[in-house]
Amino acid sequence: FPEYAERMRALQGDSRFDKLAAAYHKINHEIIMAESNVEPTDDF
């Protein structure tokens, strides 16, 4: 969301945004680890 960079900064500290962003970051990291076979998982 490059077009929302300023809005993301403004929303930092908002509990709903922070919770969703943290969950997104966590699952994104898990996907990267699986795709790079650092922490392999099945396709499903």
PDB file of all heavy atoms in Angstrom:
ATOM      1  N   PHE A   1       0.825  -1.207   0.000  1.00  0.00           N
ATOM      2  CA  PHE A   1       0.000   0.000   0.000  1.00  0.00           C
ATOM      3  C   PHE A   1       0.863   1.262   0.000  1.00  0.00           C
ATOM      4  O   PHE A   1       0.770   2.085   0.915  1.00  0.00           O
ATOM      5  CB  PHE A   1      -0.909   0.022   1.233  1.00  0.00           C
ATOM      6  CG  PHE A   1      -1.837  -1.149   1.358  1.00  0.00           C
ATOM      7  CD1 PHE A   1      -1.718  -2.031   2.424  1.00  0.00           C
ATOM      8  CD2 PHE A   1      -2.846  -1.364   0.433  1.00  0.00           C
ATOM      9  CE1 PHE A   1      -2.581  -3.101   2.564  1.00  0.00           C
ATOM     10  CE2 PHE A   1      -3.717  -2.438   0.565  1.00  0.00           C
ATOM     11  CZ  PHE A   1      -3.584  -3.310   1.626  1.00  0.00           C
ATOM     12  N   PRO A   2       1.695   1.468  -1.008  1.00  0.00           N
ATOM     13  CA  PRO A   2       2.576   2.645  -0.990  1.00  0.00           C
ATOM     14  C   PRO A   2       1.807   3.963  -0.977  1.00  0.00           C
ATOM     15  O   PRO A   2       2.257   4.942  -0.378  1.00  0.00           O
ATOM     16  CB  PRO A   2       3.415   2.492  -2.257  1.00  0.00           C
ATOM     17  CG  PRO A   2       2.628   1.592  -3.137  1.00  0.00           C
ATOM     18  CD  PRO A   2       1.849   0.681  -2.229  1.00  0.00           C
ATOM     19  N   GLU A   3       0.624   3.967  -1.568  1.00  0.00           N
ATOM     20  CA  GLU A   3      -0.179   5.187  -1.611  1.00  0.00           C
ATOM     21  C   GLU A   3      -0.797   5.543  -0.256  1.00  0.00           C
ATOM     22  O   GLU A   3      -1.310   6.640  -0.067  1.00  0.00           O
ATOM     23  CB  GLU A   3      -1.279   5.077  -2.687  1.00  0.00           C
ATOM     24  CG  GLU A   3      -2.364   4.069  -2.373  1.00  0.00           C
ATOM     25  CD  GLU A   3      -2.041   2.612  -2.708  1.00  0.00           C
ATOM     26  OE1 GLU A   3      -0.858   2.250  -2.899  1.00  0.00           O
ATOM     27  OE2 GLU A   3      -2.983   1.819  -2.772  1.00  0.00           O
ATOM     28  N   TYR A   4      -0.722   4.610   0.698  1.00  0.00           N
ATOM     29  CA  TYR A   4      -1.288   4.831   2.030  1.00  0.00           C
ATOM     30  C   TYR A   4      -0.205   4.927   3.110  1.00  0.00           C
ATOM     31  O   TYR A   4      -0.492   4.739   4.290  1.00  0.00           O
ATOM     32  CB  TYR A   4      -2.269   3.709   2.392  1.00  0.00           C
ATOM     33  CG  TYR A   4      -3.539   3.755   1.588  1.00  0.00           C
ATOM     34  CD1 TYR A   4      -3.776   2.838   0.572  1.00  0.00           C
ATOM     35  CD2 TYR A   4      -4.503   4.720   1.837  1.00  0.00           C
ATOM     36  CE1 TYR A   4      -4.946   2.877  -0.175  1.00  0.00           C
ATOM     37  CE2 TYR A   4      -5.678   4.773   1.100  1.00  0.00           C
ATOM     38  CZ  TYR A   4      -5.887   3.849   0.093  1.00  0.00           C
ATOM     39  OH  TYR A   4      -7.051   3.896  -0.642  1.00  0.00           O
ATOM     40  N   ALA A   5       1.016   5.226   2.725  1.00  0.00           N
ATOM     41  CA  ALA A   5       2.119   5.286   3.694  1.00  0.00           C
ATOM     42  C   ALA A   5       1.824   6.284   4.811  1.00  0.00           C
ATOM     43  O   ALA A   5       2.008   5.974   5.998  1.00  0.00           O
ATOM     44  CB  ALA A   5       3.423   5.640   2.991  1.00  0.00           C
ATOM     45  N   GLU A   6       1.353   7.456   4.451  1.00  0.00           N
ATOM     46  CA  GLU A   6       1.049   8.477   5.461  1.00  0.00           C
ATOM     47  C   GLU A   6      -0.102   8.033   6.355  1.00  0.00           C
ATOM     48  O   GLU A   6      -0.064   8.211   7.567  1.00  0.00           O
ATOM     49  CB  GLU A   6       0.710   9.796   4.772  1.00  0.00           C
ATOM     50  CG  GLU A   6       0.566  10.952   5.731  1.00  0.00           C
ATOM     51  CD  GLU A   6       0.354  12.268   5.022  1.00  0.00           C
ATOM     52  OE1 GLU A   6       1.045  12.536   4.015  1.00  0.00           O
ATOM     53  OE2 GLU A   6      -0.516  13.036   5.489  1.00  0.00           O
ATOM     54  N   ARG A   7      -1.110   7.433   5.766  1.00  0.00           N
ATOM     55  CA  ARG A   7      -2.266   6.946   6.539  1.00  0.00           C
ATOM     56  C   ARG A   7      -1.842   5.834   7.500  1.00  0.00           C
ATOM     57  O   ARG A   7      -2.309   5.768   8.634  1.00  0.00           O
ATOM     58  CB  ARG A   7      -3.345   6.447   5.575  1.00  0.00           C
ATOM     59  CG  ARG A   7      -4.553   5.869   6.236  1.00  0.00           C
ATOM     60  CD  ARG A   7      -5.534   6.934   6.641  1.00  0.00           C
ATOM     61  NE  ARG A   7      -6.780   6.288   7.070  1.00  0.00           N
ATOM     62  CZ  ARG A   7      -7.336   6.504   8.244  1.00  0.00           C
ATOM     63  NH1 ARG A   7      -6.825   7.365   9.084  1.00  0.00           N
ATOM     64  NH2 ARG A   7      -8.436   5.869   8.570  1.00  0.00           N
ATOM     65  N   MET A   8      -0.933   4.963   7.079  1.00  0.00           N
ATOM     66  CA  MET A   8      -0.448   3.896   7.962  1.00  0.00           C
ATOM     67  C   MET A   8       0.263   4.490   9.171  1.00  0.00           C
ATOM     68  O   MET A   8       0.070   4.028  10.296  1.00  0.00           O
ATOM     69  CB  MET A   8       0.474   2.931   7.216  1.00  0.00           C
ATOM     70  CG  MET A   8      -0.273   1.919   6.384  1.00  0.00           C
ATOM     71  SD  MET A   8       0.800   0.640   5.715  1.00  0.00           S
ATOM     72  CE  MET A   8       1.216   1.373   4.148  1.00  0.00           C
ATOM     73  N   ARG A   9       1.077   5.507   8.932  1.00  0.00           N
ATOM     74  CA  ARG A   9       1.760   6.165  10.053  1.00  0.00           C
ATOM     75  C   ARG A   9       0.745   6.791  11.006  1.00  0.00           C
ATOM     76  O   ARG A   9       0.892   6.699  12.223  1.00  0.00           O
ATOM     77  CB  ARG A   9       2.741   7.216   9.545  1.00  0.00           C
ATOM     78  CG  ARG A   9       4.035   6.626   9.005  1.00  0.00           C
ATOM     79  CD  ARG A   9       5.078   7.696   8.726  1.00  0.00           C
ATOM     80  NE  ARG A   9       4.695   8.604   7.651  1.00  0.00           N
ATOM     81  CZ  ARG A   9       4.855   8.359   6.356  1.00  0.00           C
ATOM     82  NH1 ARG A   9       5.410   7.216   5.962  1.00  0.00           N
ATOM     83  NH2 ARG A   9       4.477   9.228   5.447  1.00  0.00           N
ATOM     84  N   ALA A  10      -0.288   7.403  10.452  1.00  0.00           N
ATOM     85  CA  ALA A  10      -1.312   8.048  11.277  1.00  0.00           C
ATOM     86  C   ALA A  10      -2.097   7.030  12.103  1.00  0.00           C
ATOM     87  O   ALA A  10      -2.534   7.335  13.221  1.00  0.00           O
ATOM     88  CB  ALA A  10      -2.263   8.851  10.389  1.00  0.00           C
ATOM     89  N   LEU A  11      -2.270   5.829  11.572  1.00  0.00           N
ATOM     90  CA  LEU A  11      -3.047   4.801  12.274  1.00  0.00           C
ATOM     91  C   LEU A  11      -2.231   4.032  13.312  1.00  0.00           C
ATOM     92  O   LEU A  11      -2.805   3.261  14.092  1.00  0.00           O
ATOM     93  CB  LEU A  11      -3.661   3.825  11.274  1.00  0.00           C
ATOM     94  CG  LEU A  11      -4.904   4.316  10.541  1.00  0.00           C
ATOM     95  CD1 LEU A  11      -5.290   3.347   9.432  1.00  0.00           C
ATOM     96  CD2 LEU A  11      -6.061   4.521  11.508  1.00  0.00           C
ATOM     97  N   GLN A  12      -0.918   4.195  13.326  1.00  0.00           N
ATOM     98  CA  GLN A  12      -0.117   3.504  14.333  1.00  0.00           C
ATOM     99  C   GLN A  12      -0.570   3.964  15.712  1.00  0.00           C
ATOM    100  O   GLN A  12      -0.729   5.152  15.965  1.00  0.00           O
ATOM    101  CB  GLN A  12       1.368   3.768  14.124  1.00  0.00           C
ATOM    102  CG  GLN A  12       1.899   3.055  12.913  1.00  0.00           C
ATOM    103  CD  GLN A  12       3.363   3.343  12.653  1.00  0.00           C
ATOM    104  OE1 GLN A  12       3.962   4.236  13.223  1.00  0.00           O
ATOM    105  NE2 GLN A  12       3.938   2.578  11.748  1.00  0.00           N
ATOM    106  N   GLY A  13      -0.823   3.002  16.562  1.00  0.00           N
ATOM    107  CA  GLY A  13      -1.372   3.300  17.878  1.00  0.00           C
ATOM    108  C   GLY A  13      -2.861   3.005  17.960  1.00  0.00           C
ATOM    109  O   GLY A  13      -3.408   2.855  19.044  1.00  0.00           O
ATOM    110  N   ASP A  14      -3.522   2.907  16.800  1.00  0.00           N
ATOM    111  CA  ASP A  14      -4.916   2.495  16.765  1.00  0.00           C
ATOM    112  C   ASP A  14      -4.955   0.987  17.020  1.00  0.00           C
ATOM    113  O   ASP A  14      -4.311   0.215  16.304  1.00  0.00           O
ATOM    114  CB  ASP A  14      -5.519   2.823  15.389  1.00  0.00           C
ATOM    115  CG  ASP A  14      -6.945   2.345  15.250  1.00  0.00           C
ATOM    116  OD1 ASP A  14      -7.139   1.180  14.814  1.00  0.00           O
ATOM    117  OD2 ASP A  14      -7.853   3.118  15.571  1.00  0.00           O
ATOM    118  N   SER A  15      -5.681   0.577  18.036  1.00  0.00           N
ATOM    119  CA  SER A  15      -5.629  -0.830  18.451  1.00  0.00           C
ATOM    120  C   SER A  15      -6.046  -1.792  17.344  1.00  0.00           C
ATOM    121  O   SER A  15      -5.423  -2.836  17.169  1.00  0.00           O
ATOM    122  CB  SER A  15      -6.462  -1.067  19.709  1.00  0.00           C
ATOM    123  OG  SER A  15      -7.820  -0.767  19.461  1.00  0.00           O
ATOM    124  N   ARG A  16      -7.075  -1.454  16.592  1.00  0.00           N
ATOM    125  CA  ARG A  16      -7.523  -2.365  15.529  1.00  0.00           C
ATOM    126  C   ARG A  16      -6.471  -2.462  14.421  1.00  0.00           C
ATOM    127  O   ARG A  16      -6.132  -3.555  13.966  1.00  0.00           O
ATOM    128  CB  ARG A  16      -8.857  -1.901  14.944  1.00  0.00           C
ATOM    129  CG  ARG A  16      -9.371  -2.873  13.899  1.00  0.00           C
ATOM    130  CD  ARG A  16     -10.842  -2.677  13.630  1.00  0.00           C
ATOM    131  NE  ARG A  16     -11.263  -3.675  12.655  1.00  0.00           N
ATOM    132  CZ  ARG A  16     -11.883  -3.378  11.515  1.00  0.00           C
ATOM    133  NH1 ARG A  16     -12.196  -2.141  11.239  1.00  0.00           N
ATOM    134  NH2 ARG A  16     -12.214  -4.337  10.679  1.00  0.00           N
ATOM    135  N   PHE A  17      -5.953  -1.315  13.998  1.00  0.00           N
ATOM    136  CA  PHE A  17      -4.922  -1.318  12.961  1.00  0.00           C
ATOM    137  C   PHE A  17      -3.687  -2.080  13.437  1.00  0.00           C
ATOM    138  O   PHE A  17      -3.152  -2.915  12.707  1.00  0.00           O
ATOM    139  CB  PHE A  17      -4.539   0.110  12.563  1.00  0.00           C
ATOM    140  CG  PHE A  17      -3.428   0.152  11.552  1.00  0.00           C
ATOM    141  CD1 PHE A  17      -3.685  -0.070  10.208  1.00  0.00           C
ATOM    142  CD2 PHE A  17      -2.120   0.381  11.941  1.00  0.00           C
ATOM    143  CE1 PHE A  17      -2.656  -0.057   9.266  1.00  0.00           C
ATOM    144  CE2 PHE A  17      -1.085   0.406  11.014  1.00  0.00           C
ATOM    145  CZ  PHE A  17      -1.360   0.183   9.675  1.00  0.00           C
ATOM    146  N   ASP A  18      -3.243  -1.792  14.655  1.00  0.00           N
ATOM    147  CA  ASP A  18      -2.047  -2.452  15.179  1.00  0.00           C
ATOM    148  C   ASP A  18      -2.221  -3.966  15.260  1.00  0.00           C
ATOM    149  O   ASP A  18      -1.304  -4.727  14.923  1.00  0.00           O
ATOM    150  CB  ASP A  18      -1.677  -1.892  16.556  1.00  0.00           C
ATOM    151  CG  ASP A  18      -1.154  -0.467  16.492  1.00  0.00           C
ATOM    152  OD1 ASP A  18      -0.838   0.027  15.391  1.00  0.00           O
ATOM    153  OD2 ASP A  18      -1.076   0.166  17.573  1.00  0.00           O
ATOM    154  N   LYS A  19      -3.406  -4.403  15.679  1.00  0.00           N
ATOM    155  CA  LYS A  19      -3.680  -5.846  15.788  1.00  0.00           C
ATOM    156  C   LYS A  19      -3.662  -6.504  14.405  1.00  0.00           C
ATOM    157  O   LYS A  19      -3.038  -7.554  14.219  1.00  0.00           O
ATOM    158  CB  LYS A  19      -5.030  -6.064  16.466  1.00  0.00           C
ATOM    159  CG  LYS A  19      -5.384  -7.514  16.663  1.00  0.00           C
ATOM    160  CD  LYS A  19      -6.727  -7.658  17.352  1.00  0.00           C
ATOM    161  CE  LYS A  19      -7.119  -9.114  17.438  1.00  0.00           C
ATOM    162  NZ  LYS A  19      -8.444  -9.293  18.046  1.00  0.00           N
ATOM    163  N   LEU A  20      -4.329  -5.882  13.440  1.00  0.00           N
ATOM    164  CA  LEU A  20      -4.357  -6.440  12.083  1.00  0.00           C
ATOM    165  C   LEU A  20      -2.969  -6.421  11.447  1.00  0.00           C
ATOM    166  O   LEU A  20      -2.561  -7.388  10.798  1.00  0.00           O
ATOM    167  CB  LEU A  20      -5.335  -5.658  11.205  1.00  0.00           C
ATOM    168  CG  LEU A  20      -6.814  -5.873  11.484  1.00  0.00           C
ATOM    169  CD1 LEU A  20      -7.657  -4.868  10.688  1.00  0.00           C
ATOM    170  CD2 LEU A  20      -7.241  -7.301  11.162  1.00  0.00           C
ATOM    171  N   ALA A  21      -2.239  -5.319  11.634  1.00  0.00           N
ATOM    172  CA  ALA A  21      -0.896  -5.212  11.055  1.00  0.00           C
ATOM    173  C   ALA A  21       0.042  -6.257  11.662  1.00  0.00           C
ATOM    174  O   ALA A  21       0.839  -6.870  10.948  1.00  0.00           O
ATOM    175  CB  ALA A  21      -0.338  -3.809  11.258  1.00  0.00           C
ATOM    176  N   ALA A  22      -0.066  -6.487  12.964  1.00  0.00           N
ATOM    177  CA  ALA A  22       0.777  -7.495  13.620  1.00  0.00           C
ATOM    178  C   ALA A  22       0.434  -8.892  13.112  1.00  0.00           C
ATOM    179  O   ALA A  22       1.330  -9.704  12.843  1.00  0.00           O
ATOM    180  CB  ALA A  22       0.612  -7.417  15.137  1.00  0.00           C
ATOM    181  N   ALA A  23      -0.856  -9.182  12.957  1.00  0.00           N
ATOM    182  CA  ALA A  23      -1.272 -10.489  12.442  1.00  0.00           C
ATOM    183  C   ALA A  23      -0.807 -10.663  10.999  1.00  0.00           C
ATOM    184  O   ALA A  23      -0.339 -11.743  10.615  1.00  0.00           O
ATOM    185  CB  ALA A  23      -2.791 -10.637  12.540  1.00  0.00           C
ATOM    186  N   TYR A  24      -0.918  -9.601  10.207  1.00  0.00           N
ATOM    187  CA  TYR A  24      -0.457  -9.653   8.816  1.00  0.00           C
ATOM    188  C   TYR A  24       1.045  -9.918   8.769  1.00  0.00           C
ATOM    189  O   TYR A  24       1.513 -10.773   8.014  1.00  0.00           O
ATOM    190  CB  TYR A  24      -0.794  -8.339   8.088  1.00  0.00           C
ATOM    191  CG  TYR A  24      -0.330  -8.337   6.653  1.00  0.00           C
ATOM    192  CD1 TYR A  24      -1.168  -8.762   5.633  1.00  0.00           C
ATOM    193  CD2 TYR A  24       0.957  -7.937   6.312  1.00  0.00           C
ATOM    194  CE1 TYR A  24      -0.749  -8.784   4.315  1.00  0.00           C
ATOM    195  CE2 TYR A  24       1.395  -7.952   4.992  1.00  0.00           C
ATOM    196  CZ  TYR A  24       0.538  -8.380   4.006  1.00  0.00           C
ATOM    197  OH  TYR A  24       0.978  -8.411   2.706  1.00  0.00           O
ATOM    198  N   HIS A  25       1.800  -9.183   9.569  1.00  0.00           N
ATOM    199  CA  HIS A  25       3.252  -9.347   9.582  1.00  0.00           C
ATOM    200  C   HIS A  25       3.632 -10.782   9.986  1.00  0.00           C
ATOM    201  O   HIS A  25       4.508 -11.395   9.374  1.00  0.00           O
ATOM    202  CB  HIS A  25       3.895  -8.343  10.535  1.00  0.00           C
ATOM    203  CG  HIS A  25       5.376  -8.474  10.617  1.00  0.00           C
ATOM    204  ND1 HIS A  25       6.222  -8.069   9.608  1.00  0.00           N
ATOM    205  CD2 HIS A  25       6.176  -9.007  11.581  1.00  0.00           C
ATOM    206  CE1 HIS A  25       7.474  -8.336   9.951  1.00  0.00           C
ATOM    207  NE2 HIS A  25       7.469  -8.907  11.136  1.00  0.00           N
ATOM    208  N   LYS A  26       2.944 -11.321  10.988  1.00  0.00           N
ATOM    209  CA  LYS A  26       3.232 -12.680  11.470  1.00  0.00           C
ATOM    210  C   LYS A  26       2.976 -13.723  10.380  1.00  0.00           C
ATOM    211  O   LYS A  26       3.835 -14.557  10.093  1.00  0.00           O
ATOM    212  CB  LYS A  26       2.397 -12.988  12.703  1.00  0.00           C
ATOM    213  CG  LYS A  26       2.635 -14.357  13.306  1.00  0.00           C
ATOM    214  CD  LYS A  26       1.744 -14.574  14.522  1.00  0.00           C
ATOM    215  CE  LYS A  26       1.994 -15.889  15.213  1.00  0.00           C
ATOM    216  NZ  LYS A  26       1.681 -17.065  14.440  1.00  0.00           N
ATOM    217  N   ILE A  27       1.797 -13.673   9.761  1.00  0.00           N
ATOM    218  CA  ILE A  27       1.476 -14.677   8.738  1.00  0.00           C
ATOM    219  C   ILE A  27       2.353 -14.481   7.509  1.00  0.00           C
ATOM    220  O   ILE A  27       2.780 -15.455   6.877  1.00  0.00           O
ATOM    221  CB  ILE A  27      -0.030 -14.673   8.368  1.00  0.00           C
ATOM    222  CG1 ILE A  27      -0.422 -15.953   7.611  1.00  0.00           C
ATOM    223  CG2 ILE A  27      -0.423 -13.472   7.541  1.00  0.00           C
ATOM    224  CD1 ILE A  27      -0.569 -17.160   8.455  1.00  0.00           C
ATOM    225  N   ASN A  28       2.675 -13.241   7.176  1.00  0.00           N
ATOM    226  CA  ASN A  28       3.554 -12.974   6.045  1.00  0.00           C
ATOM    227  C   ASN A  28       4.931 -13.587   6.294  1.00  0.00           C
ATOM    228  O   ASN A  28       5.513 -14.210   5.404  1.00  0.00           O
ATOM    229  CB  ASN A  28       3.653 -11.465   5.803  1.00  0.00           C
ATOM    230  CG  ASN A  28       4.352 -11.137   4.519  1.00  0.00           C
ATOM    231  OD1 ASN A  28       4.036 -11.681   3.469  1.00  0.00           O
ATOM    232  ND2 ASN A  28       5.307 -10.244   4.592  1.00  0.00           N
ATOM    233  N   HIS A  29       5.445 -13.435   7.510  1.00  0.00           N
ATOM    234  CA  HIS A  29       6.739 -14.021   7.861  1.00  0.00           C
ATOM    235  C   HIS A  29       6.681 -15.554   7.759  1.00  0.00           C
ATOM    236  O   HIS A  29       7.605 -16.184   7.232  1.00  0.00           O
ATOM    237  CB  HIS A  29       7.141 -13.588   9.268  1.00  0.00           C
ATOM    238  CG  HIS A  29       8.425 -14.183   9.726  1.00  0.00           C
ATOM    239  ND1 HIS A  29       9.651 -13.760   9.259  1.00  0.00           N
ATOM    240  CD2 HIS A  29       8.679 -15.200  10.603  1.00  0.00           C
ATOM    241  CE1 HIS A  29      10.600 -14.485   9.827  1.00  0.00           C
ATOM    242  NE2 HIS A  29      10.038 -15.357  10.643  1.00  0.00           N
ATOM    243  N   GLU A  30       5.608 -16.147   8.244  1.00  0.00           N
ATOM    244  CA  GLU A  30       5.456 -17.601   8.171  1.00  0.00           C
ATOM    245  C   GLU A  30       5.426 -18.075   6.719  1.00  0.00           C
ATOM    246  O   GLU A  30       6.001 -19.117   6.386  1.00  0.00           O
ATOM    247  CB  GLU A  30       4.186 -18.029   8.903  1.00  0.00           C
ATOM    248  CG  GLU A  30       4.279 -17.857  10.404  1.00  0.00           C
ATOM    249  CD  GLU A  30       2.958 -18.093  11.127  1.00  0.00           C
ATOM    250  OE1 GLU A  30       1.959 -18.472  10.476  1.00  0.00           O
ATOM    251  OE2 GLU A  30       2.919 -17.873  12.354  1.00  0.00           O
ATOM    252  N   ILE A  31       4.773 -17.322   5.853  1.00  0.00           N
ATOM    253  CA  ILE A  31       4.716 -17.680   4.435  1.00  0.00           C
ATOM    254  C   ILE A  31       6.110 -17.602   3.815  1.00  0.00           C
ATOM    255  O   ILE A  31       6.522 -18.504   3.076  1.00  0.00           O
ATOM    256  CB  ILE A  31       3.725 -16.774   3.678  1.00  0.00           C
ATOM    257  CG1 ILE A  31       2.301 -17.100   4.116  1.00  0.00           C
ATOM    258  CG2 ILE A  31       3.874 -16.928   2.170  1.00  0.00           C
ATOM    259  CD1 ILE A  31       1.255 -16.088   3.660  1.00  0.00           C
ATOM    260  N   ILE A  32       6.834 -16.542   4.108  1.00  0.00           N
ATOM    261  CA  ILE A  32       8.191 -16.393   3.577  1.00  0.00           C
ATOM    262  C   ILE A  32       9.067 -17.562   4.033  1.00  0.00           C
ATOM    263  O   ILE A  32       9.822 -18.132   3.245  1.00  0.00           O
ATOM    264  CB  ILE A  32       8.794 -15.039   3.994  1.00  0.00           C
ATOM    265  CG1 ILE A  32       8.064 -13.902   3.282  1.00  0.00           C
ATOM    266  CG2 ILE A  32      10.293 -14.992   3.702  1.00  0.00           C
ATOM    267  CD1 ILE A  32       8.367 -12.527   3.836  1.00  0.00           C
ATOM    268  N   MET A  33       8.963 -17.938   5.297  1.00  0.00           N
ATOM    269  CA  MET A  33       9.752 -19.058   5.823  1.00  0.00           C
ATOM    270  C   MET A  33       9.379 -20.371   5.127  1.00  0.00           C
ATOM    271  O   MET A  33      10.243 -21.189   4.815  1.00  0.00           O
ATOM    272  CB  MET A  33       9.557 -19.209   7.339  1.00  0.00           C
ATOM    273  CG  MET A  33      10.103 -18.064   8.162  1.00  0.00           C
ATOM    274  SD  MET A  33      11.901 -18.033   8.180  1.00  0.00           S
ATOM    275  CE  MET A  33      12.221 -16.661   7.106  1.00  0.00           C
ATOM    276  N   ALA A  34       8.085 -20.554   4.854  1.00  0.00           N
ATOM    277  CA  ALA A  34       7.637 -21.784   4.170  1.00  0.00           C
ATOM    278  C   ALA A  34       8.079 -21.786   2.713  1.00  0.00           C
ATOM    279  O   ALA A  34       8.574 -22.797   2.207  1.00  0.00           O
ATOM    280  CB  ALA A  34       6.119 -21.901   4.275  1.00  0.00           C
ATOM    281  N   GLU A  35       7.912 -20.653   2.025  1.00  0.00           N
ATOM    282  CA  GLU A  35       8.268 -20.584   0.610  1.00  0.00           C
ATOM    283  C   GLU A  35       9.768 -20.759   0.384  1.00  0.00           C
ATOM    284  O   GLU A  35      10.183 -21.287  -0.641  1.00  0.00           O
ATOM    285  CB  GLU A  35       7.822 -19.248   0.021  1.00  0.00           C
ATOM    286  CG  GLU A  35       6.334 -19.138  -0.161  1.00  0.00           C
ATOM    287  CD  GLU A  35       5.904 -17.781  -0.673  1.00  0.00           C
ATOM    288  OE1 GLU A  35       6.671 -16.803  -0.565  1.00  0.00           O
ATOM    289  OE2 GLU A  35       4.772 -17.695  -1.173  1.00  0.00           O
ATOM    290  N   SER A  36      10.565 -20.318   1.328  1.00  0.00           N
ATOM    291  CA  SER A  36      12.021 -20.436   1.175  1.00  0.00           C
ATOM    292  C   SER A  36      12.556 -21.740   1.770  1.00  0.00           C
ATOM    293  O   SER A  36      13.760 -21.936   1.849  1.00  0.00           O
ATOM    294  CB  SER A  36      12.706 -19.225   1.802  1.00  0.00           C
ATOM    295  OG  SER A  36      12.398 -19.141   3.177  1.00  0.00           O
ATOM    296  N   ASN A  37      11.645 -22.600   2.218  1.00  0.00           N
ATOM    297  CA  ASN A  37      11.974 -23.907   2.803  1.00  0.00           C
ATOM    298  C   ASN A  37      12.798 -23.825   4.081  1.00  0.00           C
ATOM    299  O   ASN A  37      13.430 -24.802   4.471  1.00  0.00           O
ATOM    300  CB  ASN A  37      12.663 -24.815   1.779  1.00  0.00           C
ATOM    301  CG  ASN A  37      11.678 -25.360   0.778  1.00  0.00           C
ATOM    302  OD1 ASN A  37      10.546 -25.689   1.133  1.00  0.00           O
ATOM    303  ND2 ASN A  37      12.088 -25.440  -0.468  1.00  0.00           N
ATOM    304  N   VAL A  38      12.774 -22.686   4.746  1.00  0.00           N
ATOM    305  CA  VAL A  38      13.399 -22.574   6.063  1.00  0.00           C
ATOM    306  C   VAL A  38      12.533 -23.342   7.061  1.00  0.00           C
ATOM    307  O   VAL A  38      13.038 -24.063   7.917  1.00  0.00           O
ATOM    308  CB  VAL A  38      13.560 -21.101   6.490  1.00  0.00           C
ATOM    309  CG1 VAL A  38      14.030 -20.988   7.931  1.00  0.00           C
ATOM    310  CG2 VAL A  38      14.526 -20.390   5.547  1.00  0.00           C
ATOM    311  N   GLU A  39      11.210 -23.182   6.920  1.00  0.00           N
ATOM    312  CA  GLU A  39      10.234 -23.923   7.717  1.00  0.00           C
ATOM    313  C   GLU A  39       9.221 -24.518   6.744  1.00  0.00           C
ATOM    314  O   GLU A  39       8.120 -23.997   6.593  1.00  0.00           O
ATOM    315  CB  GLU A  39       9.558 -23.002   8.732  1.00  0.00           C
ATOM    316  CG  GLU A  39      10.516 -22.467   9.778  1.00  0.00           C
ATOM    317  CD  GLU A  39       9.854 -21.509  10.751  1.00  0.00           C
ATOM    318  OE1 GLU A  39       8.606 -21.447  10.802  1.00  0.00           O
ATOM    319  OE2 GLU A  39      10.600 -20.834  11.465  1.00  0.00           O
ATOM    320  N   PRO A  40       9.585 -25.608   6.073  1.00  0.00           N
ATOM    321  CA  PRO A  40       8.713 -26.188   5.042  1.00  0.00           C
ATOM    322  C   PRO A  40       7.347 -26.602   5.590  1.00  0.00           C
ATOM    323  O   PRO A  40       7.203 -26.946   6.764  1.00  0.00           O
ATOM    324  CB  PRO A  40       9.478 -27.410   4.555  1.00  0.00           C
ATOM    325  CG  PRO A  40      10.854 -27.293   5.094  1.00  0.00           C
ATOM    326  CD  PRO A  40      10.795 -26.376   6.266  1.00  0.00           C
ATOM    327  N   THR A  41       6.372 -26.532   4.733  1.00  0.00           N
ATOM    328  CA  THR A  41       5.025 -26.975   5.067  1.00  0.00           C
ATOM    329  C   THR A  41       4.410 -27.582   3.813  1.00  0.00           C
ATOM    330  O   THR A  41       4.971 -27.466   2.725  1.00  0.00           O
ATOM    331  CB  THR A  41       4.173 -25.802   5.603  1.00  0.00           C
ATOM    332  OG1 THR A  41       2.939 -26.305   6.110  1.00  0.00           O
ATOM    333  CG2 THR A  41       3.902 -24.761   4.544  1.00  0.00           C
ATOM    334  N   ASP A  42       3.263 -28.209   3.967  1.00  0.00           N
ATOM    335  CA  ASP A  42       2.628 -28.786   2.782  1.00  0.00           C
ATOM    336  C   ASP A  42       1.876 -27.698   2.010  1.00  0.00           C
ATOM    337  O   ASP A  42       1.618 -26.608   2.520  1.00  0.00           O
ATOM    338  CB  ASP A  42       1.706 -29.950   3.157  1.00  0.00           C
ATOM    339  CG  ASP A  42       0.541 -29.531   4.031  1.00  0.00           C
ATOM    340  OD1 ASP A  42      -0.275 -28.704   3.578  1.00  0.00           O
ATOM    341  OD2 ASP A  42       0.446 -30.036   5.169  1.00  0.00           O
ATOM    342  N   ASP A  43       1.544 -27.986   0.785  1.00  0.00           N
ATOM    343  CA  ASP A  43       0.901 -27.015  -0.103  1.00  0.00           C
ATOM    344  C   ASP A  43      -0.450 -26.546   0.427  1.00  0.00           C
ATOM    345  O   ASP A  43      -0.825 -25.386   0.239  1.00  0.00           O
ATOM    346  CB  ASP A  43       0.730 -27.591  -1.497  1.00  0.00           C
ATOM    347  CG  ASP A  43       2.062 -27.726  -2.236  1.00  0.00           C
ATOM    348  OD1 ASP A  43       3.036 -27.054  -1.833  1.00  0.00           O
ATOM    349  OD2 ASP A  43       2.117 -28.492  -3.206  1.00  0.00           O
ATOM    350  N   PHE A  44      -1.186 -27.430   1.097  1.00  0.00           N
ATOM    351  CA  PHE A  44      -2.499 -27.056   1.620  1.00  0.00           C
ATOM    352  C   PHE A  44      -2.368 -26.017   2.729  1.00  0.00           C
ATOM    353  O   PHE A  44      -3.118 -25.040   2.767  1.00  0.00           O
ATOM    354  CB  PHE A  44      -3.251 -28.290   2.129  1.00  0.00           C
ATOM    355  CG  PHE A  44      -3.566 -29.270   1.042  1.00  0.00           C
ATOM    356  CD1 PHE A  44      -2.918 -30.491   0.993  1.00  0.00           C
ATOM    357  CD2 PHE A  44      -4.493 -28.966   0.050  1.00  0.00           C
ATOM    358  CE1 PHE A  44      -3.193 -31.404  -0.021  1.00  0.00           C
ATOM    359  CE2 PHE A  44      -4.773 -29.861  -0.966  1.00  0.00           C
ATOM    360  CZ  PHE A  44      -4.129 -31.085  -0.995  1.00  0.00           C
TER     361      PHE A  44
END
